[in-house]
Protein backbone atom coordinates (compact mmCIF):
# COMPACT_ATOMS: atom_id res chain seq x y z
CA MET A 1 -0.19 -0.06 0.07
CA THR A 2 1.58 3.13 -0.95
CA THR A 3 0.07 6.78 0.12
CA SER A 4 1.01 10.13 -1.03
CA THR A 5 3.32 12.16 1.24
CA THR A 6 1.67 15.67 0.82
CA ILE A 7 -1.89 17.15 0.71
CA PRO A 8 -2.65 20.14 -0.70
CA GLN A 9 -3.60 22.67 2.19
CA GLY A 10 -7.24 23.59 2.07
CA HIS A 11 -8.98 26.92 3.59
CA LEU A 12 -10.89 26.62 7.02
CA GLY A 13 -13.79 28.29 5.12
CA GLU A 14 -14.19 25.13 2.48
CA LEU A 15 -13.72 22.53 5.72
CA VAL A 16 -16.05 24.32 7.42
CA ARG A 17 -18.84 24.43 4.35
CA TYR A 18 -18.26 20.98 3.21
CA PHE A 19 -19.23 19.72 6.84
CA LEU A 20 -21.60 22.14 7.84
CA ARG A 21 -23.56 20.45 4.69
CA LEU A 22 -22.54 16.91 5.48
CA GLY A 23 -23.79 17.43 9.06
CA PHE A 24 -27.13 19.14 7.94
CA LEU A 25 -27.99 16.12 5.08
CA GLY A 26 -25.72 13.16 6.31
CA PHE A 27 -28.22 10.56 6.77
CA GLY A 28 -27.96 6.64 7.87
CA GLY A 29 -25.28 6.45 10.47
CA PRO A 30 -21.64 6.21 10.58
CA VAL A 31 -21.11 3.79 7.54
CA ALA A 32 -23.18 5.85 5.37
CA LEU A 33 -21.50 8.96 6.24
CA VAL A 34 -18.29 7.53 5.92
CA GLY A 35 -19.54 6.16 2.20
CA GLN A 36 -20.58 9.37 1.53
CA MET A 37 -17.55 10.89 2.45
CA GLU A 38 -15.45 8.71 0.44
CA ARG A 39 -17.49 9.47 -2.53
CA GLU A 40 -17.40 13.00 -2.15
CA LEU A 41 -14.07 13.43 -1.37
CA VAL A 42 -11.99 10.97 -2.85
CA ASP A 43 -13.90 10.39 -6.30
CA GLU A 44 -15.32 13.89 -6.72
CA ARG A 45 -13.02 16.52 -4.96
CA LYS A 46 -10.02 14.57 -5.02
CA TRP A 47 -9.28 15.78 -1.37
CA LEU A 48 -7.44 12.48 -0.63
CA THR A 49 -6.19 9.34 -2.20
CA LYS A 50 -7.96 5.98 -1.72
CA GLU A 51 -5.27 4.84 0.53
CA GLN A 52 -5.45 7.67 2.59
CA MET A 53 -9.05 7.29 3.02
CA ARG A 54 -8.69 3.83 3.72
CA GLU A 55 -5.95 4.56 6.13
CA ALA A 56 -8.54 7.30 8.12
CA ILE A 57 -11.57 4.65 8.09
CA ALA A 58 -8.98 1.62 9.90
CA ILE A 59 -7.29 4.03 12.41
CA CYS A 60 -10.20 5.69 13.26
CA GLN A 61 -12.60 2.25 13.64
CA SER A 62 -9.59 1.32 15.66
CA LEU A 63 -9.92 4.45 18.16
CA PRO A 64 -13.30 4.90 20.80
CA GLY A 65 -15.58 7.12 20.06
CA PRO A 66 -17.78 7.64 16.92
CA LEU A 67 -16.63 6.68 13.50
CA ALA A 68 -17.87 9.22 11.17
CA ILE A 69 -16.87 12.36 13.27
CA GLN A 70 -13.62 10.73 13.75
CA VAL A 71 -12.80 10.14 9.87
CA GLY A 72 -14.28 13.80 9.34
CA ILE A 73 -11.95 15.15 11.73
CA TYR A 74 -8.93 13.12 10.50
CA ILE A 75 -9.76 14.31 6.75
CA SER A 76 -9.75 17.82 8.08
CA TYR A 77 -6.54 17.55 9.98
CA LEU A 78 -4.78 16.30 6.34
CA ARG A 79 -6.84 19.33 4.64
CA GLY A 80 -6.23 22.10 7.27
CA GLY A 81 -3.78 21.23 9.97
CA PHE A 82 -4.66 21.17 13.86
CA TRP A 83 -6.84 24.27 13.60
CA GLY A 84 -8.69 22.35 10.42
CA ALA A 85 -9.38 19.55 12.49
CA TRP A 86 -11.04 21.47 14.91
CA ALA A 87 -12.99 23.54 12.49
CA GLY A 88 -14.18 20.87 10.37
CA GLY A 89 -14.94 18.39 13.35
CA TRP A 90 -17.18 20.93 15.37
CA ALA A 91 -18.89 22.47 11.97
CA PHE A 92 -19.69 18.31 11.40
CA ILE A 93 -21.53 18.56 14.58
CA LEU A 94 -23.01 21.86 15.05
CA PRO A 95 -26.06 21.16 12.89
CA ASN A 96 -26.78 17.71 14.50
CA PHE A 97 -26.54 19.53 17.84
CA VAL A 98 -29.07 22.26 16.90
CA ILE A 99 -31.71 19.79 15.15
CA VAL A 100 -31.55 17.37 18.03
CA ALA A 101 -31.64 19.95 20.79
CA ALA A 102 -34.63 21.48 19.09
CA LEU A 103 -36.31 17.94 19.16
CA GLY A 104 -35.38 17.99 23.12
CA ALA A 105 -36.87 21.08 23.73
CA LEU A 106 -40.19 20.19 21.69
CA TYR A 107 -40.27 16.92 23.88
CA VAL A 108 -39.87 18.32 27.18
CA TYR A 109 -42.47 21.60 26.40
CA LEU A 110 -44.95 20.22 23.90
CA GLY A 111 -45.18 16.69 25.37
CA ASP A 112 -44.52 13.03 23.81
CA LEU A 113 -43.61 13.19 19.99
CA GLN A 114 -45.90 10.72 18.99
CA PRO A 115 -44.97 10.63 15.31
CA VAL A 116 -41.51 9.30 16.26
CA THR A 117 -42.36 5.77 16.96
CA ALA A 118 -44.28 5.98 13.10
CA ILE A 119 -41.11 7.68 11.70
CA PHE A 120 -38.72 5.22 13.32
CA TYR A 121 -41.17 2.14 12.21
CA GLY A 122 -40.42 3.17 8.32
CA VAL A 123 -37.07 4.93 8.67
CA SER A 124 -35.02 1.97 10.43
CA PRO A 125 -35.22 -0.45 7.76
CA ALA A 126 -33.70 1.80 5.33
CA VAL A 127 -30.72 2.74 7.57
CA ILE A 128 -30.04 -1.08 7.56
CA ALA A 129 -29.99 -0.68 3.81
CA LEU A 130 -27.81 2.20 4.08
CA ILE A 131 -25.37 0.86 6.20
CA LEU A 132 -25.40 -2.55 4.03
CA HIS A 133 -24.84 -0.50 0.98
CA SER A 134 -22.00 1.68 2.48
CA CYS A 135 -20.53 -1.11 3.69
CA TYR A 136 -20.36 -2.89 0.55
CA ARG A 137 -18.46 0.19 -0.87
CA LEU A 138 -16.01 0.33 1.96
CA ALA A 139 -15.11 -3.18 1.47
CA LYS A 140 -14.53 -2.70 -2.28
CA LEU A 141 -12.00 0.16 -1.13
CA GLY A 142 -10.09 -1.90 1.11
CA MET A 143 -10.60 -5.42 1.65
CA GLU A 144 -7.84 -7.13 -0.53
CA ASP A 145 -7.11 -10.78 0.05
CA TRP A 146 -8.49 -13.69 2.32
CA LEU A 147 -6.76 -13.06 5.14
CA GLN A 148 -8.62 -9.58 5.52
CA TRP A 149 -11.86 -11.41 5.12
CA ALA A 150 -11.18 -13.99 7.39
CA ILE A 151 -10.43 -11.37 10.03
CA ALA A 152 -14.08 -9.73 8.95
CA ALA A 153 -15.64 -13.07 9.44
CA VAL A 154 -14.35 -13.61 12.80
CA CYS A 155 -14.72 -10.19 13.98
CA LEU A 156 -18.41 -10.39 12.29
CA ALA A 157 -19.17 -13.73 14.32
CA VAL A 158 -17.83 -12.42 17.58
CA THR A 159 -19.95 -8.99 17.29
CA VAL A 160 -23.16 -11.23 16.89
CA ILE A 161 -22.65 -13.66 19.32
CA LEU A 162 -21.43 -11.35 22.19
CA GLN A 163 -23.86 -8.57 21.01
CA ALA A 164 -21.30 -6.11 21.36
CA GLU A 165 -17.89 -5.07 19.68
CA VAL A 166 -15.02 -5.79 21.27
CA ALA A 167 -12.19 -3.57 21.47
CA VAL A 168 -9.64 -5.99 21.83
CA LEU A 169 -10.64 -7.36 18.21
CA PHE A 170 -9.33 -4.02 16.43
CA ILE A 171 -5.62 -4.45 18.41
CA GLY A 172 -5.67 -8.13 18.00
CA ALA A 173 -6.94 -7.82 14.05
CA GLY A 174 -3.88 -5.18 13.79
CA ILE A 175 -1.31 -7.41 15.37
CA VAL A 176 -2.35 -9.99 12.82
CA GLY A 177 -1.98 -7.57 10.05
CA ILE A 178 1.54 -6.91 11.32
CA LEU A 179 2.48 -10.40 11.58
CA TYR A 180 1.23 -11.31 8.02
CA TYR A 181 1.81 -8.12 6.16
CA GLY A 182 4.91 -6.36 7.91
CA SER A 183 7.78 -7.39 9.31
CA LEU A 184 8.53 -9.45 12.72
CA PHE A 185 11.56 -7.77 13.58
CA LYS A 186 10.33 -4.17 13.62
CA ARG A 187 8.99 -2.55 16.25
CA ALA A 188 5.04 -2.64 16.76
CA PRO A 189 3.37 0.54 14.67
CA PRO A 190 3.21 3.36 17.12
CA VAL A 191 -0.56 3.89 16.08
CA ALA A 192 -1.35 0.35 17.99
CA LEU A 193 -0.33 2.80 21.12
CA SER A 194 -2.08 5.64 20.34
CA VAL A 195 -5.36 2.96 21.71
CA THR A 196 -3.97 3.09 25.16
CA VAL A 197 -4.98 7.10 25.39
CA ALA A 198 -8.62 6.17 26.07
CA PRO A 199 -7.99 4.94 29.58
CA ILE A 200 -5.68 7.73 30.16
CA LEU A 201 -8.42 9.84 28.82
CA ALA A 202 -10.98 8.34 31.37
CA GLN A 203 -8.45 8.64 34.51
CA LEU A 204 -8.09 12.52 33.79
CA ALA A 205 -11.99 13.14 33.58
CA PRO A 206 -13.37 14.59 36.81
CA THR A 207 -14.26 11.66 39.55
CA ALA A 208 -16.93 13.70 41.20
CA SER A 209 -19.26 16.30 41.11
CA SER A 210 -22.14 17.36 42.92
CA SER A 211 -24.18 19.08 40.11
CA ILE A 212 -25.97 17.42 37.62
CA LEU A 213 -24.17 18.94 34.61
CA GLY A 214 -20.79 17.96 36.15
CA LYS A 215 -22.43 14.05 36.39
CA LEU A 216 -23.64 14.33 32.62
CA LEU A 217 -20.09 15.61 31.43
CA LEU A 218 -18.36 12.75 33.23
CA PHE A 219 -20.90 10.17 31.84
CA PHE A 220 -20.46 10.91 28.30
CA LEU A 221 -16.53 11.83 28.61
CA LYS A 222 -16.50 8.20 29.58
CA ALA A 223 -18.85 7.25 26.73
CA GLY A 224 -16.94 8.82 24.28
CA SER A 225 -13.39 7.83 25.66
CA LEU A 226 -14.25 3.96 26.20
CA THR A 227 -16.84 2.67 23.48
CA PHE A 228 -15.58 1.19 20.57
CA GLY A 229 -17.21 1.51 17.27
CA SER A 230 -20.11 3.17 15.85
CA GLY A 231 -22.71 4.81 17.39
CA LEU A 232 -24.86 1.95 17.24
CA VAL A 233 -22.71 0.11 19.63
CA ILE A 234 -22.58 2.68 22.17
CA VAL A 235 -26.31 2.56 22.89
CA PRO A 236 -26.07 -0.72 25.25
CA PHE A 237 -23.65 1.38 27.34
CA LEU A 238 -25.70 4.66 27.57
CA GLU A 239 -28.98 2.38 28.31
CA GLN A 240 -26.69 0.69 31.32
CA GLY A 241 -25.78 4.06 32.61
CA LEU A 242 -28.86 6.67 32.03
CA VAL A 243 -31.80 3.73 32.67
CA GLN A 244 -30.10 1.34 35.02
CA GLN A 245 -27.40 2.87 37.19
CA PHE A 246 -28.59 6.94 37.33
CA GLY A 247 -32.22 6.58 36.45
CA TRP A 248 -32.16 9.59 34.48
CA LEU A 249 -34.41 8.23 31.81
CA ASP A 250 -36.95 5.51 31.54
CA GLN A 251 -36.91 2.59 28.90
CA ARG A 252 -39.36 4.39 26.67
CA GLN A 253 -37.83 7.83 27.09
CA PHE A 254 -34.23 5.88 26.14
CA LEU A 255 -35.70 4.27 22.97
CA ILE A 256 -37.37 7.58 21.59
CA ALA A 257 -33.61 9.13 22.62
CA VAL A 258 -32.16 6.68 20.02
CA ALA A 259 -34.65 6.93 17.57
CA ILE A 260 -33.93 10.83 17.51
CA GLY A 261 -30.47 9.63 16.97
CA MET A 262 -31.09 7.38 14.28
CA ILE A 263 -33.72 9.70 12.06
CA SER A 264 -31.48 12.87 12.74
CA PRO A 265 -28.76 13.56 10.29
CA GLY A 266 -25.36 13.00 11.43
CA PRO A 267 -23.92 10.55 14.11
CA VAL A 268 -26.07 8.07 16.20
CA VAL A 269 -24.40 9.11 19.26
CA ILE A 270 -25.99 12.76 18.79
CA THR A 271 -28.55 10.92 21.20
CA ALA A 272 -26.07 12.19 24.03
CA THR A 273 -27.68 15.70 23.10
CA PHE A 274 -31.42 14.74 23.10
CA VAL A 275 -30.46 13.15 26.76
CA GLY A 276 -28.71 15.98 28.05
CA TYR A 277 -31.74 18.39 27.03
CA LEU A 278 -34.16 15.76 28.93
CA VAL A 279 -32.18 15.61 32.26
CA ALA A 280 -30.71 19.08 32.38
CA GLY A 281 -32.31 21.35 29.82
CA PHE A 282 -30.20 23.41 27.15
CA TRP A 283 -27.11 23.26 29.05
CA GLY A 284 -27.13 19.68 29.81
CA SER A 285 -27.53 18.98 25.59
CA VAL A 286 -24.23 21.31 25.75
CA VAL A 287 -21.93 19.79 28.35
CA SER A 288 -23.48 16.19 27.22
CA THR A 289 -22.55 16.96 23.35
CA ILE A 290 -19.17 18.26 24.53
CA GLY A 291 -18.56 15.27 26.60
CA ILE A 292 -19.30 12.59 24.08
CA PHE A 293 -17.10 14.49 21.07
CA LEU A 294 -14.30 16.11 22.69
CA PRO A 295 -12.19 12.34 23.09
CA SER A 296 -12.65 12.14 19.38
CA PHE A 297 -10.91 15.47 18.96
CA LEU A 298 -8.00 14.32 21.27
CA LEU A 299 -7.58 10.99 20.16
CA VAL A 300 -7.41 11.44 16.37
CA LEU A 301 -5.00 14.83 17.03
CA ILE A 302 -2.57 12.48 19.09
CA ALA A 303 -2.73 9.58 16.36
CA ALA A 304 -2.65 11.69 13.16
CA PRO A 305 0.68 13.26 13.72
CA LEU A 306 2.21 9.46 14.50
CA LEU A 307 0.51 8.42 11.41
CA ALA A 308 1.63 10.82 8.80
CA ARG A 309 5.31 10.38 10.66
CA HIS A 310 5.31 6.64 10.12
CA ARG A 311 3.04 5.82 6.98
CA GLY A 312 5.38 3.83 4.98
CA ASN A 313 6.48 1.57 7.97
CA PRO A 314 5.24 -1.75 6.64
CA ASN A 315 3.70 -2.58 10.31
CA VAL A 316 1.92 0.39 10.26
CA GLN A 317 0.53 -0.60 6.79
CA GLY A 318 -0.01 -4.14 8.21
CA PHE A 319 -1.67 -2.83 11.37
CA VAL A 320 -4.34 -0.67 9.07
CA LYS A 321 -5.00 -3.38 7.15
CA GLY A 322 -6.11 -5.86 9.83
CA ALA A 323 -7.88 -3.19 11.53
CA TYR A 324 -9.58 -2.08 8.48
CA ALA A 325 -10.73 -5.87 8.22
CA ALA A 326 -11.79 -5.81 11.92
CA ALA A 327 -13.92 -2.79 11.49
CA ILE A 328 -16.03 -4.27 8.14
CA GLY A 329 -16.85 -7.50 9.94
CA THR A 330 -17.91 -5.80 13.37
CA ILE A 331 -19.93 -2.94 11.15
CA LEU A 332 -21.80 -6.10 9.39
CA GLY A 333 -22.25 -7.68 12.98
CA ALA A 334 -23.89 -4.14 14.49
CA CYS A 335 -26.08 -4.15 11.18
CA ILE A 336 -27.34 -7.84 11.97
CA LEU A 337 -28.07 -6.70 15.62
CA LEU A 338 -29.72 -3.37 14.53
CA GLY A 339 -31.89 -5.23 12.07
CA ARG A 340 -33.34 -7.40 14.98
CA ILE A 341 -34.86 -4.17 15.80
CA ALA A 342 -35.39 -2.27 13.03
CA ILE A 343 -37.20 -5.48 10.83
CA GLY A 344 -40.27 -7.04 12.66
CA ASP A 345 -43.02 -7.76 9.98
CA TRP A 346 -43.56 -7.92 6.16
CA LEU A 347 -43.77 -4.09 5.54
CA THR A 348 -40.08 -3.46 7.36
CA ALA A 349 -38.52 -6.16 5.22
CA LEU A 350 -40.00 -5.03 2.00
CA ILE A 351 -38.85 -1.45 2.87
CA GLY A 352 -35.43 -2.67 3.84
CA ILE A 353 -35.29 -4.81 0.31
CA ALA A 354 -36.89 -1.91 -1.62
CA SER A 355 -34.05 0.34 -0.29
CA LEU A 356 -31.19 -1.69 -0.98
CA THR A 357 -32.40 -2.09 -4.27
CA VAL A 358 -32.71 1.53 -4.91
CA LEU A 359 -29.37 2.28 -3.70
CA PHE A 360 -27.47 -0.26 -5.83
CA ARG A 361 -29.42 0.70 -9.00
CA TRP A 362 -29.69 4.64 -8.69
CA LYS A 363 -27.89 7.05 -7.38
CA VAL A 364 -30.13 8.24 -4.83
CA SER A 365 -29.64 10.88 -1.89
CA ASN A 366 -29.82 9.62 1.45
CA PRO A 367 -32.11 12.53 2.58
CA LEU A 368 -34.60 11.79 -0.03
CA LEU A 369 -34.56 7.59 0.80
CA ILE A 370 -35.01 8.99 4.34
CA ALA A 371 -37.70 11.51 3.95
CA ALA A 372 -39.62 8.57 1.47
CA THR A 373 -39.57 6.16 4.14
CA ALA A 374 -40.49 8.15 6.59
CA VAL A 375 -43.56 9.00 4.94
CA VAL A 376 -44.17 5.35 4.52
CA GLY A 377 -44.10 4.99 8.17
CA LEU A 378 -46.28 7.80 8.96
CA ILE A 379 -48.91 6.27 6.61
CA ALA A 380 -48.60 2.54 7.45
CA PHE A 381 -47.96 2.67 11.28
CA PRO A 382 -51.40 3.96 12.10
CA ILE A 383 -53.50 1.35 9.91
CA LEU A 384 -50.86 -1.64 10.93
CA GLN A 385 -50.55 -0.45 14.35
CA PRO A 386 -47.45 -2.91 15.13
CA THR A 387 -47.04 -3.99 18.62
CA TRP A 388 -43.20 -4.82 18.25
CA VAL A 389 -41.86 -1.20 17.31
CA MET A 390 -39.86 0.29 19.94
CA VAL A 391 -40.24 -3.10 22.16
CA HIS A 392 -37.66 -5.57 21.48
């Protein structure tokens, strides 16, 4: 694998404009967003090469936190340096924050959002289709040989059986990649060491606070620092803390929060903004958003200079190949787990199949597909009245 050593420096303005638009219109979860960035920034704008996109995906998937945001921060770093990473990353997050905080205000002041369940019913199978289609594109981008597919298969099986992504899978897959693609007689890649920063961040976080805002900040800092993989995998961690440990939300409120994260543009972990608003109003949404995303900036900015410096090392390249394969497997595993929640009757199965067919045959934008399936849900849900939605 070869990677060019230089990237043309871009202006902060173009980074901000692009990621504001992506944050406002980017539906479908982390894999769909990464697929959209790959299509627009590699194929169309030529901001980076396929090899650099492959590196970004593999390294960000091996770090704790939301994949799409981290890939956006990493690309912004390559394009605009240190300040470009902060500008592009927060521009990516801002539209999601505004939309979800507004929905939180509506929920608090106007009562239960009844249409949410109907929209969730129609949109969820389309989200599954978006993930599968994007994962297909990512597999074409970076899966090259039998070993990568074997790693992906193992990671898929472990993810489904344990119903969670296991952080050690990415490290183990990276080590396998070093052994097979790299050299046994060279030092382990610096990028592997960067993963150990996550527990350090957790230790540096405040250990106690008497205020609800402090508790929210601490909780979401830990969530962002210690949870590997996509926002879909962070959900069990959030449910345990928010519902069982602290009792800030009941089960239905939590499921609505997850639904809001899924149907809004941007990463699913924007659920943190909705939760923060329910628990402590506007400032609760602010500190929760900062808490869930801040570790991503710190981790990517620590890892990116190491990657830029050691990109040509065969051990680094081997680690990237192994971690990339693990990412494909665990994303597919998470997709299977999510499918159990999203598809529960003939109509949702039909929506999923039709959405996948449309994505493979025509160039349909993600927002258009989401809007169409949301309308189907709003029409069909009152007629069919499925009892399984938002239950299992």
